[in-house]
Amino acid sequence: MKENAGAIPPCARREGLVVRELPDEVLIYDRDRDKAHCLNQTAALVWKYCDGKTTVPTIARQLERDLETKPIDEKVVWYALSQLSKDHLLEDSVVPPAMLSGMTRREMVRALGVAAAIAVPLVTSIVAPTPAQAATCKPTGTACSSGAECCSGSCSTGPASCSPVQPAGFCC
């Protein structure tokens, strides 16, 4: 991922992602990083307009139109881009103007006014378990062939079944 200092219009990453659009948000699963992201309406619109051709001022004007709101400050777009960049949802990392670098959501609301709070972009992310981590384990007493199958991590021999967790230092 290269660094974009704002001179090049931002471009959304599309490869390795599973995207589901809902009425007021977009859910994105990053298969490369096993992370799930929920973009609120504002962040989703900014991500949608990151086509590698649309500039930050133009994205701000498109947000005004789509959200049917007062003029949107470019700071809102830069804030969204920094979140999207941090979560690897852009082709190139974005470096916001110095005055916005490291700005928190709370600082953004203060800078833009309380009325702008509804337009502040939000990206919520969680780490998704790998398929092996998400697999259901077998309870004590269930037939098994290895400790990895058992919730306790212990598979006893003859007859093979999941056994309770053994105290420390206990050896079979």
C-alpha atoms as a PDB file:
ATOM      1  CA  MET A   1       0.000   0.000   0.000  1.00  0.00           C
ATOM      2  CA  LYS A   2       1.474   3.298  -1.109  1.00  0.00           C
ATOM      3  CA  GLU A   3       0.963   6.607   0.638  1.00  0.00           C
ATOM      4  CA  ASN A   4      -1.331   9.255  -0.824  1.00  0.00           C
ATOM      5  CA  ALA A   5      -0.632  12.772   0.421  1.00  0.00           C
ATOM      6  CA  GLY A   6      -3.957  14.124  -0.850  1.00  0.00           C
ATOM      7  CA  ALA A   7      -2.747  15.010  -4.335  1.00  0.00           C
ATOM      8  CA  ILE A   8      -4.225  11.851  -5.867  1.00  0.00           C
ATOM      9  CA  PRO A   9      -7.975  11.219  -5.529  1.00  0.00           C
ATOM     10  CA  PRO A  10      -8.575   8.284  -3.150  1.00  0.00           C
ATOM     11  CA  CYS A  11      -9.371   4.826  -4.511  1.00  0.00           C
ATOM     12  CA  ALA A  12     -11.352   2.232  -2.538  1.00  0.00           C
ATOM     13  CA  ARG A  13      -9.915  -1.246  -2.241  1.00  0.00           C
ATOM     14  CA  ARG A  14     -12.207  -3.869  -3.786  1.00  0.00           C
ATOM     15  CA  GLU A  15     -10.046  -7.023  -3.960  1.00  0.00           C
ATOM     16  CA  GLY A  16     -10.291  -9.529  -1.106  1.00  0.00           C
ATOM     17  CA  LEU A  17     -13.433  -7.934   0.311  1.00  0.00           C
ATOM     18  CA  VAL A  18     -16.990  -9.187   0.705  1.00  0.00           C
ATOM     19  CA  VAL A  19     -19.367  -6.207   0.638  1.00  0.00           C
ATOM     20  CA  ARG A  20     -23.026  -6.134   1.712  1.00  0.00           C
ATOM     21  CA  GLU A  21     -24.962  -2.909   1.304  1.00  0.00           C
ATOM     22  CA  LEU A  22     -27.811  -2.294   3.746  1.00  0.00           C
ATOM     23  CA  PRO A  23     -30.196   0.687   3.802  1.00  0.00           C
ATOM     24  CA  ASP A  24     -28.132   2.911   6.152  1.00  0.00           C
ATOM     25  CA  GLU A  25     -24.763   1.151   6.334  1.00  0.00           C
ATOM     26  CA  VAL A  26     -22.323  -1.080   4.502  1.00  0.00           C
ATOM     27  CA  LEU A  27     -20.805  -4.236   5.943  1.00  0.00           C
ATOM     28  CA  ILE A  28     -17.365  -5.222   4.636  1.00  0.00           C
ATOM     29  CA  TYR A  29     -15.504  -8.413   5.431  1.00  0.00           C
ATOM     30  CA  ASP A  30     -11.779  -8.286   4.677  1.00  0.00           C
ATOM     31  CA  ARG A  31     -10.821 -11.865   3.789  1.00  0.00           C
ATOM     32  CA  ASP A  32      -7.101 -11.006   3.772  1.00  0.00           C
ATOM     33  CA  ARG A  33      -7.110  -9.752   7.379  1.00  0.00           C
ATOM     34  CA  ASP A  34     -10.122 -11.655   8.821  1.00  0.00           C
ATOM     35  CA  LYS A  35     -11.693  -8.356   9.900  1.00  0.00           C
ATOM     36  CA  ALA A  36     -15.263  -7.173   9.585  1.00  0.00           C
ATOM     37  CA  HIS A  37     -16.122  -3.481   9.222  1.00  0.00           C
ATOM     38  CA  CYS A  38     -19.429  -1.654   9.546  1.00  0.00           C
ATOM     39  CA  LEU A  39     -19.503   1.730   7.810  1.00  0.00           C
ATOM     40  CA  ASN A  40     -22.256   4.136   8.794  1.00  0.00           C
ATOM     41  CA  GLN A  41     -24.067   5.978   6.000  1.00  0.00           C
ATOM     42  CA  THR A  42     -21.544   8.824   5.783  1.00  0.00           C
ATOM     43  CA  ALA A  43     -18.465   6.568   5.779  1.00  0.00           C
ATOM     44  CA  ALA A  44     -20.157   4.249   3.260  1.00  0.00           C
ATOM     45  CA  LEU A  45     -20.848   7.150   0.893  1.00  0.00           C
ATOM     46  CA  VAL A  46     -17.256   8.396   1.156  1.00  0.00           C
ATOM     47  CA  TRP A  47     -15.980   4.853   0.415  1.00  0.00           C
ATOM     48  CA  LYS A  48     -18.401   4.588  -2.518  1.00  0.00           C
ATOM     49  CA  TYR A  49     -17.023   7.794  -4.061  1.00  0.00           C
ATOM     50  CA  CYS A  50     -13.392   6.690  -3.721  1.00  0.00           C
ATOM     51  CA  ASP A  51     -13.034   5.763  -7.376  1.00  0.00           C
ATOM     52  CA  GLY A  52      -9.532   7.164  -7.987  1.00  0.00           C
ATOM     53  CA  LYS A  53     -11.026  10.089  -9.940  1.00  0.00           C
ATOM     54  CA  THR A  54     -13.195  11.986  -7.459  1.00  0.00           C
ATOM     55  CA  THR A  55     -11.383  14.614  -5.366  1.00  0.00           C
ATOM     56  CA  VAL A  56     -12.036  15.359  -1.692  1.00  0.00           C
ATOM     57  CA  PRO A  57     -13.919  18.634  -2.433  1.00  0.00           C
ATOM     58  CA  THR A  58     -16.134  16.800  -4.939  1.00  0.00           C
ATOM     59  CA  ILE A  59     -16.818  13.990  -2.448  1.00  0.00           C
ATOM     60  CA  ALA A  60     -17.887  16.645   0.096  1.00  0.00           C
ATOM     61  CA  ARG A  61     -20.345  18.144  -2.419  1.00  0.00           C
ATOM     62  CA  GLN A  62     -21.730  14.690  -3.263  1.00  0.00           C
ATOM     63  CA  LEU A  63     -22.233  14.004   0.460  1.00  0.00           C
ATOM     64  CA  GLU A  64     -24.203  17.256   0.795  1.00  0.00           C
ATOM     65  CA  ARG A  65     -26.454  16.145  -2.041  1.00  0.00           C
ATOM     66  CA  ASP A  66     -26.915  12.554  -0.817  1.00  0.00           C
ATOM     67  CA  LEU A  67     -27.430  13.430   2.859  1.00  0.00           C
ATOM     68  CA  GLU A  68     -29.571  16.461   1.951  1.00  0.00           C
ATOM     69  CA  THR A  69     -27.777  18.583   4.495  1.00  0.00           C
ATOM     70  CA  LYS A  70     -25.995  21.902   4.861  1.00  0.00           C
ATOM     71  CA  PRO A  71     -22.567  22.203   3.284  1.00  0.00           C
ATOM     72  CA  ILE A  72     -20.281  19.385   4.415  1.00  0.00           C
ATOM     73  CA  ASP A  73     -16.834  20.495   5.484  1.00  0.00           C
ATOM     74  CA  GLU A  74     -13.974  18.675   3.769  1.00  0.00           C
ATOM     75  CA  LYS A  75     -12.784  17.751   7.276  1.00  0.00           C
ATOM     76  CA  VAL A  76     -15.605  15.181   7.385  1.00  0.00           C
ATOM     77  CA  VAL A  77     -14.303  13.544   4.199  1.00  0.00           C
ATOM     78  CA  TRP A  78     -10.697  13.597   5.435  1.00  0.00           C
ATOM     79  CA  TYR A  79     -11.773  12.061   8.734  1.00  0.00           C
ATOM     80  CA  ALA A  80     -13.579   9.248   6.866  1.00  0.00           C
ATOM     81  CA  LEU A  81     -10.600   8.703   4.574  1.00  0.00           C
ATOM     82  CA  SER A  82      -8.219   8.419   7.526  1.00  0.00           C
ATOM     83  CA  GLN A  83     -10.495   5.772   9.117  1.00  0.00           C
ATOM     84  CA  LEU A  84     -10.854   3.866   5.846  1.00  0.00           C
ATOM     85  CA  SER A  85      -7.098   4.045   5.293  1.00  0.00           C
ATOM     86  CA  LYS A  86      -6.348   2.814   8.821  1.00  0.00           C
ATOM     87  CA  ASP A  87      -8.616  -0.193   8.196  1.00  0.00           C
ATOM     88  CA  HIS A  88      -6.953  -0.974   4.823  1.00  0.00           C
ATOM     89  CA  LEU A  89     -10.107  -0.219   2.841  1.00  0.00           C
ATOM     90  CA  LEU A  90      -8.296   2.100   0.411  1.00  0.00           C
ATOM     91  CA  GLU A  91      -5.759   1.131  -2.260  1.00  0.00           C
ATOM     92  CA  ASP A  92      -3.259   3.705  -0.963  1.00  0.00           C
ATOM     93  CA  SER A  93      -2.953   5.021   2.579  1.00  0.00           C
ATOM     94  CA  VAL A  94      -4.191   8.586   2.923  1.00  0.00           C
ATOM     95  CA  VAL A  95      -2.379  11.315   4.806  1.00  0.00           C
ATOM     96  CA  PRO A  96      -4.858  13.989   5.921  1.00  0.00           C
ATOM     97  CA  PRO A  97      -3.861  17.658   6.147  1.00  0.00           C
ATOM     98  CA  ALA A  98      -1.683  18.348   9.205  1.00  0.00           C
ATOM     99  CA  MET A  99      -4.504  20.088  11.085  1.00  0.00           C
ATOM    100  CA  LEU A 100      -6.617  16.913  10.925  1.00  0.00           C
ATOM    101  CA  SER A 101      -3.941  14.327  11.632  1.00  0.00           C
ATOM    102  CA  GLY A 102      -4.975  12.227  14.631  1.00  0.00           C
ATOM    103  CA  MET A 103      -8.311  14.021  15.090  1.00  0.00           C
ATOM    104  CA  THR A 104     -10.796  12.003  17.141  1.00  0.00           C
ATOM    105  CA  ARG A 105     -14.528  11.747  16.503  1.00  0.00           C
ATOM    106  CA  ARG A 106     -15.170  13.968  19.548  1.00  0.00           C
ATOM    107  CA  GLU A 107     -12.737  16.628  18.264  1.00  0.00           C
ATOM    108  CA  MET A 108     -14.409  16.434  14.839  1.00  0.00           C
ATOM    109  CA  VAL A 109     -17.840  17.107  16.371  1.00  0.00           C
ATOM    110  CA  ARG A 110     -16.422  20.034  18.361  1.00  0.00           C
ATOM    111  CA  ALA A 111     -14.727  21.494  15.279  1.00  0.00           C
ATOM    112  CA  LEU A 112     -17.772  21.179  13.039  1.00  0.00           C
ATOM    113  CA  GLY A 113     -20.522  21.822  15.583  1.00  0.00           C
ATOM    114  CA  VAL A 114     -23.124  19.571  17.169  1.00  0.00           C
ATOM    115  CA  ALA A 115     -25.342  19.649  14.065  1.00  0.00           C
ATOM    116  CA  ALA A 116     -22.561  17.927  12.133  1.00  0.00           C
ATOM    117  CA  ALA A 117     -22.542  14.966  14.539  1.00  0.00           C
ATOM    118  CA  ILE A 118     -25.017  13.081  12.373  1.00  0.00           C
ATOM    119  CA  ALA A 119     -22.722  13.451   9.381  1.00  0.00           C
ATOM    120  CA  VAL A 120     -19.522  12.328  11.142  1.00  0.00           C
ATOM    121  CA  PRO A 121     -18.347   9.104   9.485  1.00  0.00           C
ATOM    122  CA  LEU A 122     -17.955   6.044  11.651  1.00  0.00           C
ATOM    123  CA  VAL A 123     -16.178   2.780  10.847  1.00  0.00           C
ATOM    124  CA  THR A 124     -16.600   0.041  13.445  1.00  0.00           C
ATOM    125  CA  SER A 125     -14.293  -2.964  13.088  1.00  0.00           C
ATOM    126  CA  ILE A 126     -13.985  -6.374  14.714  1.00  0.00           C
ATOM    127  CA  VAL A 127     -11.519  -9.196  14.218  1.00  0.00           C
ATOM    128  CA  ALA A 128     -13.339 -12.228  12.874  1.00  0.00           C
ATOM    129  CA  PRO A 129     -12.234 -15.672  14.022  1.00  0.00           C
ATOM    130  CA  THR A 130     -10.558 -17.962  11.533  1.00  0.00           C
ATOM    131  CA  PRO A 131     -12.703 -20.951  10.484  1.00  0.00           C
ATOM    132  CA  ALA A 132     -10.741 -23.194  12.873  1.00  0.00           C
ATOM    133  CA  GLN A 133     -11.311 -20.777  15.763  1.00  0.00           C
ATOM    134  CA  ALA A 134     -15.009 -20.493  14.956  1.00  0.00           C
ATOM    135  CA  ALA A 135     -15.565 -24.277  14.876  1.00  0.00           C
ATOM    136  CA  THR A 136     -17.700 -25.739  17.621  1.00  0.00           C
ATOM    137  CA  CYS A 137     -15.865 -27.951  20.110  1.00  0.00           C
ATOM    138  CA  LYS A 138     -17.147 -31.222  21.544  1.00  0.00           C
ATOM    139  CA  PRO A 139     -18.306 -31.396  25.182  1.00  0.00           C
ATOM    140  CA  THR A 140     -16.941 -33.739  27.849  1.00  0.00           C
ATOM    141  CA  GLY A 141     -17.855 -37.389  27.229  1.00  0.00           C
ATOM    142  CA  THR A 142     -18.246 -37.016  23.447  1.00  0.00           C
ATOM    143  CA  ALA A 143     -16.279 -39.322  21.118  1.00  0.00           C
ATOM    144  CA  CYS A 144     -13.075 -37.723  19.816  1.00  0.00           C
ATOM    145  CA  SER A 145      -9.865 -38.504  18.010  1.00  0.00           C
ATOM    146  CA  SER A 146      -7.693 -35.604  19.256  1.00  0.00           C
ATOM    147  CA  GLY A 147      -7.639 -32.977  22.000  1.00  0.00           C
ATOM    148  CA  ALA A 148      -8.159 -30.221  19.421  1.00  0.00           C
ATOM    149  CA  GLU A 149     -11.760 -31.408  18.951  1.00  0.00           C
ATOM    150  CA  CYS A 150     -12.596 -31.122  22.666  1.00  0.00           C
ATOM    151  CA  CYS A 151     -13.700 -27.948  24.480  1.00  0.00           C
ATOM    152  CA  SER A 152     -11.392 -29.018  27.304  1.00  0.00           C
ATOM    153  CA  GLY A 153      -8.525 -29.656  24.869  1.00  0.00           C
ATOM    154  CA  SER A 154      -8.147 -33.149  26.322  1.00  0.00           C
ATOM    155  CA  CYS A 155      -9.155 -36.370  24.535  1.00  0.00           C
ATOM    156  CA  SER A 156      -8.696 -39.465  26.702  1.00  0.00           C
ATOM    157  CA  THR A 157      -7.875 -42.873  25.227  1.00  0.00           C
ATOM    158  CA  GLY A 158      -9.880 -46.115  25.339  1.00  0.00           C
ATOM    159  CA  PRO A 159     -12.676 -45.433  24.741  1.00  0.00           C
ATOM    160  CA  ALA A 160     -11.660 -42.131  23.164  1.00  0.00           C
ATOM    161  CA  SER A 161     -13.792 -39.305  24.566  1.00  0.00           C
ATOM    162  CA  CYS A 162     -13.407 -35.681  25.542  1.00  0.00           C
ATOM    163  CA  SER A 163     -12.340 -35.520  29.166  1.00  0.00           C
ATOM    164  CA  PRO A 164     -12.526 -32.666  31.669  1.00  0.00           C
ATOM    165  CA  VAL A 165      -9.605 -30.263  31.943  1.00  0.00           C
ATOM    166  CA  GLN A 166      -6.895 -31.924  34.022  1.00  0.00           C
ATOM    167  CA  PRO A 167      -5.269 -30.099  36.948  1.00  0.00           C
ATOM    168  CA  ALA A 168      -1.845 -28.600  36.304  1.00  0.00           C
ATOM    169  CA  GLY A 169       0.909 -31.189  36.513  1.00  0.00           C
ATOM    170  CA  PHE A 170      -1.467 -34.113  35.951  1.00  0.00           C
ATOM    171  CA  CYS A 171      -0.244 -36.515  33.339  1.00  0.00           C
ATOM    172  CA  CYS A 172      -2.126 -39.319  31.691  1.00  0.00           C
END
